[in-house]
Protein backbone atom coordinates (compact mmCIF):
# COMPACT_ATOMS: atom_id res chain seq x y z
CA UNK A 1 -5.27 8.02 14.36
CA UNK A 2 -4.69 4.82 12.46
CA UNK A 3 -1.42 4.15 10.67
CA UNK A 4 -0.43 1.24 8.44
CA UNK A 5 2.86 -0.58 8.01
CA UNK A 6 3.75 -3.79 6.22
CA UNK A 7 5.95 -6.69 7.26
CA UNK A 8 7.79 -8.55 4.48
CA UNK A 9 9.16 -11.99 5.43
CA UNK A 10 9.09 -10.99 9.13
CA UNK A 11 10.97 -7.71 8.54
CA UNK A 12 9.46 -4.22 8.53
CA UNK A 13 9.09 -2.97 4.97
CA UNK A 14 10.55 0.54 4.73
CA UNK A 15 8.64 1.80 1.71
CA UNK A 16 9.64 5.43 2.28
CA UNK A 17 13.09 4.50 0.94
CA UNK A 18 11.70 2.57 -2.03
CA UNK A 19 10.35 4.31 -5.14
CA UNK A 20 8.61 1.12 -6.36
CA UNK A 21 6.39 0.56 -3.30
CA UNK A 22 3.87 2.76 -1.54
CA UNK A 23 1.54 2.27 1.46
CA UNK A 24 -1.66 4.30 1.37
CA UNK A 25 -2.23 5.80 4.81
CA UNK A 26 -5.85 6.30 3.74
CA UNK A 27 -6.67 2.64 3.01
CA UNK A 28 -3.63 0.70 4.24
CA UNK A 29 -3.17 -0.84 0.78
CA UNK A 30 0.33 -1.74 -0.37
CA UNK A 31 1.08 -0.88 -4.00
CA UNK A 32 4.05 -2.37 -5.86
CA UNK A 33 5.12 -1.07 -9.25
CA UNK A 34 6.98 -3.44 -11.59
CA UNK A 35 7.06 -6.57 -9.43
CA UNK A 36 10.49 -8.22 -9.33
CA UNK A 37 11.63 -11.68 -8.15
CA UNK A 38 12.92 -10.10 -4.93
CA UNK A 39 9.31 -9.12 -4.08
CA UNK A 40 8.25 -12.77 -3.73
CA UNK A 41 7.47 -13.64 -0.12
CA UNK A 42 4.96 -13.15 2.67
CA UNK A 43 3.35 -9.76 3.37
CA UNK A 44 1.53 -8.89 6.61
CA UNK A 45 -0.28 -5.61 7.31
CA UNK A 46 0.03 -4.03 10.76
CA UNK A 47 -2.58 -1.46 11.80
CA UNK A 48 -1.65 0.82 14.70
CA UNK A 49 -4.08 2.96 16.68
CA UNK A 50 -1.91 5.63 18.28
CA UNK A 51 -4.76 6.84 20.51
CA UNK A 52 -5.29 3.38 22.05
CA UNK A 53 -1.57 2.54 21.83
CA UNK A 54 -2.43 -0.82 20.21
CA UNK A 55 -1.36 -2.65 17.06
CA UNK A 56 -3.04 -5.51 15.26
CA UNK A 57 -1.45 -7.80 12.66
CA UNK A 58 -3.45 -9.12 9.76
CA UNK A 59 -2.98 -12.57 8.24
CA UNK A 60 0.10 -13.13 6.04
CA UNK A 61 -0.50 -12.84 2.30
CA UNK A 62 1.91 -14.66 -0.04
CA UNK A 63 3.12 -13.04 -3.26
CA UNK A 64 4.25 -15.41 -5.99
CA UNK A 65 5.26 -14.83 -9.61
CA UNK A 66 3.46 -16.49 -12.48
CA UNK A 67 5.79 -18.52 -14.64
CA UNK A 68 3.65 -18.13 -17.79
CA UNK A 69 4.09 -14.33 -17.93
CA UNK A 70 0.32 -13.76 -18.17
CA UNK A 71 -1.08 -10.93 -16.08
CA UNK A 72 -4.72 -11.79 -16.62
CA UNK A 73 -7.47 -9.29 -17.25
CA UNK A 74 -6.27 -6.05 -15.73
CA UNK A 75 -7.16 -3.04 -17.81
CA UNK A 76 -5.22 0.21 -17.35
CA UNK A 77 -7.06 2.66 -15.09
CA UNK A 78 -6.56 5.48 -12.63
CA UNK A 79 -7.45 4.47 -9.07
CA UNK A 80 -8.74 7.48 -7.14
CA UNK A 81 -10.28 7.52 -3.65
CA UNK A 82 -10.95 11.20 -3.05
CA UNK A 83 -13.72 12.25 -0.68
CA UNK A 84 -16.50 14.28 -2.28
CA UNK A 85 -15.37 17.33 -0.34
CA UNK A 86 -11.99 18.00 1.23
CA UNK A 87 -11.68 20.80 3.78
CA UNK A 88 -8.40 22.42 4.67
CA UNK A 89 -7.36 25.44 6.70
CA UNK A 90 -5.64 28.20 4.78
CA UNK A 91 -1.90 27.61 4.73
CA UNK A 92 -2.21 23.91 5.65
CA UNK A 93 -1.17 20.93 3.49
CA UNK A 94 -3.56 18.44 1.91
CA UNK A 95 -2.46 15.00 0.64
CA UNK A 96 -4.42 13.34 -2.18
CA UNK A 97 -3.57 9.85 -3.41
CA UNK A 98 -3.86 8.85 -7.07
CA UNK A 99 -2.52 5.62 -8.62
CA UNK A 100 -2.09 4.57 -12.24
CA UNK A 101 -2.70 0.82 -12.56
CA UNK A 102 -2.39 -1.44 -15.55
CA UNK A 103 -0.22 -3.68 -17.69
């Protein structure tokens, strides 16, 4: 069992309490909706393997804001990473992740 958390400026990022940010427990990706000046800083991903009781930190990634207001070429799209087949026992819960990206 792998799990993913993010560190923001050397503090754990508690995205569960934040409706603008989400960490995919499928891919480990951090998604931020409507970036604000307070989001500027250094982000580091931490991957934890609960079976091996070990954690590994990735390299820090800086987030900066562009001063020209240009987002670049980023067409609106739906980002979906569903497996071809998903199996679930009757009465169990299944979590599917879907993200709307764009300008």
